[in-house]
Amino acid sequence: MQSKTVFFFAILLTVSGVSRAQSSDEYKVVSVLTNWPAAVVEVDGTTLGPAMQESFLVAAESNTLRLLPPSGGAWTIPPIETAIGGATGDTIVVRVDFPYYYKFESAPYDAKIVLANSANGTLLGMTPFVLETDRPLVNDVELQLQGFGTERIRPGDDIWNRYLVELTPLDANRVRGEMNWTGSKRRRWWIDAAALTTAVTAGAIAVHYKFKADNRFDEFQRTGNPDLRPRIERFDDYSAVSLGVMQAGIGLFAIRLVLR
């Protein structure tokens, strides 16, 4: 009787060992390290969850891992794709880091973006402009435009950083003179109407291009088509320029109210 019992347990242990061996042959563990823990991990088209979970159990035949911006995050950032190999049962460590993005916008636009504290004041670009870099910016950034005060920005260290700055005219009296160039003190109501109409129209255009950019981004997330990126950025730039025009119109109307 005792020998039968020992034989029965031996069979159970053998079956259990085979089952575990088959399980390890069907899956592998992927450990994801990234500078954006909130990013979403996707393996062969299947969403697994945020990267902050670090380890994911995937099918043995899995080949491609994609890291996508989190829902509601910076929609102009493309996903990062990498291959995952390794033997079944192994833990595969994958390091996937996003670039750092800095978007600079100004009203008025076309201001110089200068890296302060550098040897010769390195020119990064002209507003609106998106800077992509492997590391966070450590120096301050200045926005410079002739006739306007220089604005200084202390860059952050998030993956997506956006700065919209309204530049201030250097000479308020010059602005007053330009607005009253005839010397007449009569109220020019048509200037107010034009300023407000321009602001409303530009605001509508900004919203229009923003929606178009959002639609292209949704399509980009579904298809991963890289040809959509230039369109997204172009519509985003159109929206930023329209926003600047809208702010200029509102600013002009506000100045006229102050000068009355």
C-alpha atoms as a PDB file:
ATOM      1  CA  MET A   1       0.000   0.000   0.000  1.00  0.00           C
ATOM      2  CA  GLN A   2       2.831   2.377   0.876  1.00  0.00           C
ATOM      3  CA  SER A   3       4.656   1.695  -2.388  1.00  0.00           C
ATOM      4  CA  LYS A   4       1.492   2.546  -4.394  1.00  0.00           C
ATOM      5  CA  THR A   5       1.149   5.837  -2.531  1.00  0.00           C
ATOM      6  CA  VAL A   6       4.780   6.777  -3.270  1.00  0.00           C
ATOM      7  CA  PHE A   7       4.287   5.874  -6.925  1.00  0.00           C
ATOM      8  CA  PHE A   8       1.143   8.077  -7.111  1.00  0.00           C
ATOM      9  CA  PHE A   9       2.927  11.141  -5.716  1.00  0.00           C
ATOM     10  CA  ALA A  10       5.858  10.560  -8.060  1.00  0.00           C
ATOM     11  CA  ILE A  11       3.462  10.723 -11.017  1.00  0.00           C
ATOM     12  CA  LEU A  12       1.934  13.981  -9.688  1.00  0.00           C
ATOM     13  CA  LEU A  13       5.359  15.616  -9.317  1.00  0.00           C
ATOM     14  CA  THR A  14       6.324  14.554 -12.839  1.00  0.00           C
ATOM     15  CA  VAL A  15       3.137  15.992 -14.362  1.00  0.00           C
ATOM     16  CA  SER A  16       3.600  19.250 -12.407  1.00  0.00           C
ATOM     17  CA  GLY A  17       7.204  19.584 -13.620  1.00  0.00           C
ATOM     18  CA  VAL A  18       6.166  19.037 -17.243  1.00  0.00           C
ATOM     19  CA  SER A  19       3.428  21.646 -16.887  1.00  0.00           C
ATOM     20  CA  ARG A  20       5.882  24.217 -15.522  1.00  0.00           C
ATOM     21  CA  ALA A  21       8.360  23.442 -18.293  1.00  0.00           C
ATOM     22  CA  GLN A  22       5.677  23.931 -20.924  1.00  0.00           C
ATOM     23  CA  SER A  23       4.636  27.209 -19.270  1.00  0.00           C
ATOM     24  CA  SER A  24       8.196  28.555 -19.315  1.00  0.00           C
ATOM     25  CA  ASP A  25       8.493  27.571 -22.972  1.00  0.00           C
ATOM     26  CA  GLU A  26       5.396  29.604 -23.841  1.00  0.00           C
ATOM     27  CA  TYR A  27       6.325  32.884 -22.151  1.00  0.00           C
ATOM     28  CA  LYS A  28       9.199  35.206 -21.367  1.00  0.00           C
ATOM     29  CA  VAL A  29       9.546  38.203 -19.050  1.00  0.00           C
ATOM     30  CA  VAL A  30      10.376  41.670 -20.393  1.00  0.00           C
ATOM     31  CA  SER A  31      11.659  44.301 -17.967  1.00  0.00           C
ATOM     32  CA  VAL A  32      11.221  47.858 -19.327  1.00  0.00           C
ATOM     33  CA  LEU A  33      13.408  50.716 -18.092  1.00  0.00           C
ATOM     34  CA  THR A  34      12.627  54.234 -19.329  1.00  0.00           C
ATOM     35  CA  ASN A  35      12.851  57.924 -18.455  1.00  0.00           C
ATOM     36  CA  TRP A  36       9.049  58.225 -18.834  1.00  0.00           C
ATOM     37  CA  PRO A  37       7.442  55.710 -16.412  1.00  0.00           C
ATOM     38  CA  ALA A  38       3.925  56.823 -17.394  1.00  0.00           C
ATOM     39  CA  ALA A  39       4.494  55.781 -21.031  1.00  0.00           C
ATOM     40  CA  VAL A  40       2.379  52.855 -22.269  1.00  0.00           C
ATOM     41  CA  VAL A  41       4.009  49.529 -23.161  1.00  0.00           C
ATOM     42  CA  GLU A  42       2.728  47.713 -26.232  1.00  0.00           C
ATOM     43  CA  VAL A  43       4.025  44.342 -27.455  1.00  0.00           C
ATOM     44  CA  ASP A  44       3.113  43.118 -30.948  1.00  0.00           C
ATOM     45  CA  GLY A  45       0.078  45.412 -30.995  1.00  0.00           C
ATOM     46  CA  THR A  46      -1.196  44.428 -27.534  1.00  0.00           C
ATOM     47  CA  THR A  47      -1.285  47.107 -24.817  1.00  0.00           C
ATOM     48  CA  LEU A  48       0.167  45.811 -21.538  1.00  0.00           C
ATOM     49  CA  GLY A  49       0.095  48.864 -19.277  1.00  0.00           C
ATOM     50  CA  PRO A  50       2.316  51.713 -18.045  1.00  0.00           C
ATOM     51  CA  ALA A  51       6.079  51.260 -18.021  1.00  0.00           C
ATOM     52  CA  MET A  52       6.148  51.915 -14.268  1.00  0.00           C
ATOM     53  CA  GLN A  53       5.079  48.270 -13.823  1.00  0.00           C
ATOM     54  CA  GLU A  54       8.624  47.445 -15.053  1.00  0.00           C
ATOM     55  CA  SER A  55       8.124  43.698 -15.715  1.00  0.00           C
ATOM     56  CA  PHE A  56       5.716  42.142 -18.229  1.00  0.00           C
ATOM     57  CA  LEU A  57       4.945  38.510 -19.080  1.00  0.00           C
ATOM     58  CA  VAL A  58       4.741  38.130 -22.877  1.00  0.00           C
ATOM     59  CA  ALA A  59       4.402  35.294 -25.355  1.00  0.00           C
ATOM     60  CA  ALA A  60       7.638  33.520 -26.270  1.00  0.00           C
ATOM     61  CA  GLU A  61       7.300  34.459 -29.939  1.00  0.00           C
ATOM     62  CA  SER A  62       6.883  38.204 -29.208  1.00  0.00           C
ATOM     63  CA  ASN A  63       9.209  40.318 -31.352  1.00  0.00           C
ATOM     64  CA  THR A  64       8.416  44.046 -31.129  1.00  0.00           C
ATOM     65  CA  LEU A  65       7.964  46.370 -28.163  1.00  0.00           C
ATOM     66  CA  ARG A  66       6.574  49.911 -28.577  1.00  0.00           C
ATOM     67  CA  LEU A  67       6.561  52.636 -25.965  1.00  0.00           C
ATOM     68  CA  LEU A  68       3.832  55.247 -26.509  1.00  0.00           C
ATOM     69  CA  PRO A  69       3.117  58.594 -24.827  1.00  0.00           C
ATOM     70  CA  PRO A  70       0.487  58.207 -22.094  1.00  0.00           C
ATOM     71  CA  SER A  71      -3.126  59.021 -22.891  1.00  0.00           C
ATOM     72  CA  GLY A  72      -3.643  62.750 -22.731  1.00  0.00           C
ATOM     73  CA  GLY A  73       0.107  63.380 -22.854  1.00  0.00           C
ATOM     74  CA  ALA A  74       2.143  65.254 -25.423  1.00  0.00           C
ATOM     75  CA  TRP A  75       0.524  64.189 -28.659  1.00  0.00           C
ATOM     76  CA  THR A  76       3.339  65.334 -30.958  1.00  0.00           C
ATOM     77  CA  ILE A  77       5.799  62.826 -29.489  1.00  0.00           C
ATOM     78  CA  PRO A  78       6.153  59.703 -31.669  1.00  0.00           C
ATOM     79  CA  PRO A  79       6.297  56.233 -30.099  1.00  0.00           C
ATOM     80  CA  ILE A  80       9.608  54.392 -29.765  1.00  0.00           C
ATOM     81  CA  GLU A  81       9.933  50.872 -31.176  1.00  0.00           C
ATOM     82  CA  THR A  82      12.540  48.228 -30.371  1.00  0.00           C
ATOM     83  CA  ALA A  83      13.026  44.502 -30.953  1.00  0.00           C
ATOM     84  CA  ILE A  84      12.869  42.025 -28.081  1.00  0.00           C
ATOM     85  CA  GLY A  85      14.689  38.712 -28.348  1.00  0.00           C
ATOM     86  CA  GLY A  86      16.052  36.290 -25.812  1.00  0.00           C
ATOM     87  CA  ALA A  87      15.302  32.690 -24.960  1.00  0.00           C
ATOM     88  CA  THR A  88      12.031  31.560 -23.437  1.00  0.00           C
ATOM     89  CA  GLY A  89      11.974  31.651 -19.673  1.00  0.00           C
ATOM     90  CA  ASP A  90      14.571  34.435 -19.585  1.00  0.00           C
ATOM     91  CA  THR A  91      14.086  37.956 -18.226  1.00  0.00           C
ATOM     92  CA  ILE A  92      14.883  40.412 -21.015  1.00  0.00           C
ATOM     93  CA  VAL A  93      15.891  43.897 -19.881  1.00  0.00           C
ATOM     94  CA  VAL A  94      15.040  46.663 -22.384  1.00  0.00           C
ATOM     95  CA  ARG A  95      16.162  50.277 -21.972  1.00  0.00           C
ATOM     96  CA  VAL A  96      13.967  52.709 -23.941  1.00  0.00           C
ATOM     97  CA  ASP A  97      14.411  56.446 -23.370  1.00  0.00           C
ATOM     98  CA  PHE A  98      12.434  59.248 -24.994  1.00  0.00           C
ATOM     99  CA  PRO A  99      14.118  62.427 -26.233  1.00  0.00           C
ATOM    100  CA  TYR A 100      13.311  65.645 -24.387  1.00  0.00           C
ATOM    101  CA  TYR A 101      11.152  68.122 -26.288  1.00  0.00           C
ATOM    102  CA  TYR A 102      11.022  71.888 -25.771  1.00  0.00           C
ATOM    103  CA  LYS A 103       8.436  73.919 -27.683  1.00  0.00           C
ATOM    104  CA  PHE A 104       8.919  77.690 -27.664  1.00  0.00           C
ATOM    105  CA  GLU A 105       6.181  80.074 -28.832  1.00  0.00           C
ATOM    106  CA  SER A 106       5.940  83.835 -28.571  1.00  0.00           C
ATOM    107  CA  ALA A 107       3.559  86.672 -29.341  1.00  0.00           C
ATOM    108  CA  PRO A 108       4.667  88.277 -31.583  1.00  0.00           C
ATOM    109  CA  TYR A 109       6.337  85.274 -33.197  1.00  0.00           C
ATOM    110  CA  ASP A 110       9.693  85.047 -35.033  1.00  0.00           C
ATOM    111  CA  ALA A 111      11.695  85.813 -31.889  1.00  0.00           C
ATOM    112  CA  LYS A 112      15.217  84.443 -31.519  1.00  0.00           C
ATOM    113  CA  ILE A 113      15.606  81.499 -29.153  1.00  0.00           C
ATOM    114  CA  VAL A 114      19.036  81.869 -27.556  1.00  0.00           C
ATOM    115  CA  LEU A 115      20.734  79.504 -25.119  1.00  0.00           C
ATOM    116  CA  ALA A 116      21.847  81.797 -22.294  1.00  0.00           C
ATOM    117  CA  ASN A 117      25.098  81.343 -20.334  1.00  0.00           C
ATOM    118  CA  SER A 118      26.698  79.650 -23.348  1.00  0.00           C
ATOM    119  CA  ALA A 119      29.978  80.829 -24.887  1.00  0.00           C
ATOM    120  CA  ASN A 120      28.497  82.874 -27.746  1.00  0.00           C
ATOM    121  CA  GLY A 121      24.794  82.772 -26.946  1.00  0.00           C
ATOM    122  CA  THR A 122      23.942  79.744 -29.095  1.00  0.00           C
ATOM    123  CA  LEU A 123      20.962  80.358 -31.393  1.00  0.00           C
ATOM    124  CA  LEU A 124      18.553  77.429 -31.160  1.00  0.00           C
ATOM    125  CA  GLY A 125      15.930  78.676 -33.634  1.00  0.00           C
ATOM    126  CA  MET A 126      13.081  81.147 -34.148  1.00  0.00           C
ATOM    127  CA  THR A 127       9.620  80.961 -32.584  1.00  0.00           C
ATOM    128  CA  PRO A 128       7.571  78.878 -32.986  1.00  0.00           C
ATOM    129  CA  PHE A 129      10.137  76.105 -32.684  1.00  0.00           C
ATOM    130  CA  VAL A 130      10.426  72.590 -31.204  1.00  0.00           C
ATOM    131  CA  LEU A 131      13.837  71.527 -29.884  1.00  0.00           C
ATOM    132  CA  GLU A 132      14.548  67.800 -29.530  1.00  0.00           C
ATOM    133  CA  THR A 133      17.496  66.784 -27.349  1.00  0.00           C
ATOM    134  CA  ASP A 134      18.825  63.634 -25.675  1.00  0.00           C
ATOM    135  CA  ARG A 135      19.249  65.381 -22.316  1.00  0.00           C
ATOM    136  CA  PRO A 136      17.285  68.057 -20.425  1.00  0.00           C
ATOM    137  CA  LEU A 137      18.396  71.643 -20.966  1.00  0.00           C
ATOM    138  CA  VAL A 138      20.446  72.966 -18.061  1.00  0.00           C
ATOM    139  CA  ASN A 139      20.950  76.577 -19.236  1.00  0.00           C
ATOM    140  CA  ASP A 140      18.295  79.280 -19.293  1.00  0.00           C
ATOM    141  CA  VAL A 141      16.761  80.218 -22.646  1.00  0.00           C
ATOM    142  CA  GLU A 142      16.126  83.782 -23.802  1.00  0.00           C
ATOM    143  CA  LEU A 143      13.551  84.985 -26.332  1.00  0.00           C
ATOM    144  CA  GLN A 144      14.809  88.067 -28.167  1.00  0.00           C
ATOM    145  CA  LEU A 145      12.938  90.267 -30.641  1.00  0.00           C
ATOM    146  CA  GLN A 146      13.925  93.749 -31.789  1.00  0.00           C
ATOM    147  CA  GLY A 147      11.783  96.420 -30.136  1.00  0.00           C
ATOM    148  CA  PHE A 148      10.686  94.100 -27.321  1.00  0.00           C
ATOM    149  CA  GLY A 149      12.096  93.187 -23.943  1.00  0.00           C
ATOM    150  CA  THR A 150      14.092  89.966 -23.622  1.00  0.00           C
ATOM    151  CA  GLU A 151      12.259  87.215 -21.776  1.00  0.00           C
ATOM    152  CA  ARG A 152      14.201  84.507 -19.919  1.00  0.00           C
ATOM    153  CA  ILE A 153      12.908  80.969 -19.434  1.00  0.00           C
ATOM    154  CA  ARG A 154      14.141  78.342 -16.975  1.00  0.00           C
ATOM    155  CA  PRO A 155      13.618  75.044 -18.867  1.00  0.00           C
ATOM    156  CA  GLY A 156      12.089  72.060 -17.101  1.00  0.00           C
ATOM    157  CA  ASP A 157      13.195  68.442 -17.239  1.00  0.00           C
ATOM    158  CA  ASP A 158       9.928  66.801 -18.328  1.00  0.00           C
ATOM    159  CA  ILE A 159       9.772  64.850 -21.583  1.00  0.00           C
ATOM    160  CA  TRP A 160       7.405  67.463 -23.070  1.00  0.00           C
ATOM    161  CA  ASN A 161       7.987  71.121 -22.179  1.00  0.00           C
ATOM    162  CA  ARG A 162       6.007  73.966 -23.758  1.00  0.00           C
ATOM    163  CA  TYR A 163       6.469  77.703 -23.252  1.00  0.00           C
ATOM    164  CA  LEU A 164       4.198  80.443 -24.639  1.00  0.00           C
ATOM    165  CA  VAL A 165       5.553  83.916 -23.892  1.00  0.00           C
ATOM    166  CA  GLU A 166       4.000  87.311 -24.582  1.00  0.00           C
ATOM    167  CA  LEU A 167       6.769  89.807 -25.332  1.00  0.00           C
ATOM    168  CA  THR A 168       6.525  93.361 -23.954  1.00  0.00           C
ATOM    169  CA  PRO A 169       7.319  96.436 -26.125  1.00  0.00           C
ATOM    170  CA  LEU A 170      10.363  98.381 -24.907  1.00  0.00           C
ATOM    171  CA  ASP A 171       8.872 101.851 -25.449  1.00  0.00           C
ATOM    172  CA  ALA A 172       5.253 102.338 -24.397  1.00  0.00           C
ATOM    173  CA  ASN A 173       5.372 105.920 -25.709  1.00  0.00           C
ATOM    174  CA  ARG A 174       6.356 104.604 -29.135  1.00  0.00           C
ATOM    175  CA  VAL A 175       3.311 102.338 -29.081  1.00  0.00           C
ATOM    176  CA  ARG A 176       1.157 105.335 -28.100  1.00  0.00           C
ATOM    177  CA  GLY A 177       2.624 107.369 -30.974  1.00  0.00           C
ATOM    178  CA  GLU A 178       2.022 104.614 -33.497  1.00  0.00           C
ATOM    179  CA  MET A 179      -1.572 104.258 -32.390  1.00  0.00           C
ATOM    180  CA  ASN A 180      -2.221 108.023 -32.516  1.00  0.00           C
ATOM    181  CA  TRP A 181      -0.026 108.947 -35.468  1.00  0.00           C
ATOM    182  CA  THR A 182      -2.357 111.760 -36.610  1.00  0.00           C
ATOM    183  CA  GLY A 183      -2.263 113.461 -33.201  1.00  0.00           C
ATOM    184  CA  SER A 184      -6.040 113.373 -33.121  1.00  0.00           C
ATOM    185  CA  LYS A 185      -7.721 112.513 -29.858  1.00  0.00           C
ATOM    186  CA  ARG A 186     -10.838 111.261 -31.549  1.00  0.00           C
ATOM    187  CA  ARG A 187     -11.738 107.699 -30.759  1.00  0.00           C
ATOM    188  CA  ARG A 188     -11.154 105.523 -33.763  1.00  0.00           C
ATOM    189  CA  TRP A 189     -13.820 102.913 -33.151  1.00  0.00           C
ATOM    190  CA  TRP A 190     -12.939 101.050 -36.336  1.00  0.00           C
ATOM    191  CA  ILE A 191      -9.500 100.175 -34.882  1.00  0.00           C
ATOM    192  CA  ASP A 192     -11.201  98.556 -31.884  1.00  0.00           C
ATOM    193  CA  ALA A 193     -13.566  96.671 -34.181  1.00  0.00           C
ATOM    194  CA  ALA A 194     -10.692  95.512 -36.396  1.00  0.00           C
ATOM    195  CA  ALA A 195      -8.641  94.376 -33.387  1.00  0.00           C
ATOM    196  CA  LEU A 196     -11.505  92.383 -31.894  1.00  0.00           C
ATOM    197  CA  THR A 197     -12.515  90.911 -35.258  1.00  0.00           C
ATOM    198  CA  THR A 198      -8.937  89.854 -35.911  1.00  0.00           C
ATOM    199  CA  ALA A 199      -8.692  88.283 -32.457  1.00  0.00           C
ATOM    200  CA  VAL A 200     -11.921  86.302 -32.869  1.00  0.00           C
ATOM    201  CA  THR A 201     -11.037  85.156 -36.391  1.00  0.00           C
ATOM    202  CA  ALA A 202      -7.516  84.138 -35.413  1.00  0.00           C
ATOM    203  CA  GLY A 203      -8.845  82.267 -32.391  1.00  0.00           C
ATOM    204  CA  ALA A 204     -11.265  80.306 -34.580  1.00  0.00           C
ATOM    205  CA  ILE A 205      -8.459  79.454 -36.996  1.00  0.00           C
ATOM    206  CA  ALA A 206      -6.238  78.324 -34.106  1.00  0.00           C
ATOM    207  CA  VAL A 207      -8.960  75.975 -32.855  1.00  0.00           C
ATOM    208  CA  HIS A 208      -9.554  74.686 -36.395  1.00  0.00           C
ATOM    209  CA  TYR A 209      -5.913  73.730 -36.932  1.00  0.00           C
ATOM    210  CA  LYS A 210      -5.685  72.313 -33.424  1.00  0.00           C
ATOM    211  CA  PHE A 211      -8.546  69.909 -34.194  1.00  0.00           C
ATOM    212  CA  LYS A 212      -6.927  68.965 -37.495  1.00  0.00           C
ATOM    213  CA  ALA A 213      -3.665  68.208 -35.698  1.00  0.00           C
ATOM    214  CA  ASP A 214      -5.516  66.104 -33.103  1.00  0.00           C
ATOM    215  CA  ASN A 215      -7.244  64.094 -35.837  1.00  0.00           C
ATOM    216  CA  ARG A 216      -3.929  63.436 -37.590  1.00  0.00           C
ATOM    217  CA  PHE A 217      -2.410  62.351 -34.295  1.00  0.00           C
ATOM    218  CA  ASP A 218      -5.236  59.881 -33.661  1.00  0.00           C
ATOM    219  CA  GLU A 219      -4.589  58.432 -37.111  1.00  0.00           C
ATOM    220  CA  PHE A 220      -0.844  58.350 -36.356  1.00  0.00           C
ATOM    221  CA  GLN A 221      -1.434  56.365 -33.165  1.00  0.00           C
ATOM    222  CA  ARG A 222      -3.591  53.866 -35.039  1.00  0.00           C
ATOM    223  CA  THR A 223      -1.306  53.371 -38.027  1.00  0.00           C
ATOM    224  CA  GLY A 224       2.145  54.496 -36.901  1.00  0.00           C
ATOM    225  CA  ASN A 225       2.573  56.159 -40.323  1.00  0.00           C
ATOM    226  CA  PRO A 226       5.676  58.450 -40.030  1.00  0.00           C
ATOM    227  CA  ASP A 227       4.447  60.573 -42.972  1.00  0.00           C
ATOM    228  CA  LEU A 228       1.804  62.056 -40.659  1.00  0.00           C
ATOM    229  CA  ARG A 229       4.355  63.694 -38.328  1.00  0.00           C
ATOM    230  CA  PRO A 230       5.166  66.673 -40.614  1.00  0.00           C
ATOM    231  CA  ARG A 231       1.444  67.345 -41.053  1.00  0.00           C
ATOM    232  CA  ILE A 232       0.852  67.259 -37.304  1.00  0.00           C
ATOM    233  CA  GLU A 233       3.720  69.675 -36.671  1.00  0.00           C
ATOM    234  CA  ARG A 234       2.611  71.963 -39.540  1.00  0.00           C
ATOM    235  CA  PHE A 235      -0.963  72.194 -38.240  1.00  0.00           C
ATOM    236  CA  ASP A 236       0.388  72.758 -34.728  1.00  0.00           C
ATOM    237  CA  ASP A 237       2.547  75.632 -36.021  1.00  0.00           C
ATOM    238  CA  TYR A 238      -0.441  77.155 -37.853  1.00  0.00           C
ATOM    239  CA  SER A 239      -2.422  76.975 -34.640  1.00  0.00           C
ATOM    240  CA  ALA A 240       0.405  78.639 -32.672  1.00  0.00           C
ATOM    241  CA  VAL A 241       0.729  81.469 -35.205  1.00  0.00           C
ATOM    242  CA  SER A 242      -3.031  82.062 -35.171  1.00  0.00           C
ATOM    243  CA  LEU A 243      -2.930  82.101 -31.382  1.00  0.00           C
ATOM    244  CA  GLY A 244      -0.207  84.754 -31.515  1.00  0.00           C
ATOM    245  CA  VAL A 245      -2.278  86.900 -33.889  1.00  0.00           C
ATOM    246  CA  MET A 246      -5.287  86.531 -31.598  1.00  0.00           C
ATOM    247  CA  GLN A 247      -3.248  87.683 -28.598  1.00  0.00           C
ATOM    248  CA  ALA A 248      -1.875  90.616 -30.580  1.00  0.00           C
ATOM    249  CA  GLY A 249      -5.424  91.715 -31.437  1.00  0.00           C
ATOM    250  CA  ILE A 250      -6.529  91.458 -27.822  1.00  0.00           C
ATOM    251  CA  GLY A 251      -3.368  93.283 -26.709  1.00  0.00           C
ATOM    252  CA  LEU A 252      -4.011  96.143 -29.143  1.00  0.00           C
ATOM    253  CA  PHE A 253      -7.582  96.520 -27.919  1.00  0.00           C
ATOM    254  CA  ALA A 254      -6.398  96.486 -24.290  1.00  0.00           C
ATOM    255  CA  ILE A 255      -3.767  99.162 -24.963  1.00  0.00           C
ATOM    256  CA  ARG A 256      -6.359 101.410 -26.597  1.00  0.00           C
ATOM    257  CA  LEU A 257      -8.595 101.051 -23.566  1.00  0.00           C
ATOM    258  CA  VAL A 258      -5.716 102.073 -21.280  1.00  0.00           C
ATOM    259  CA  LEU A 259      -4.774 105.086 -23.406  1.00  0.00           C
ATOM    260  CA  ARG A 260      -8.285 106.540 -23.435  1.00  0.00           C
END
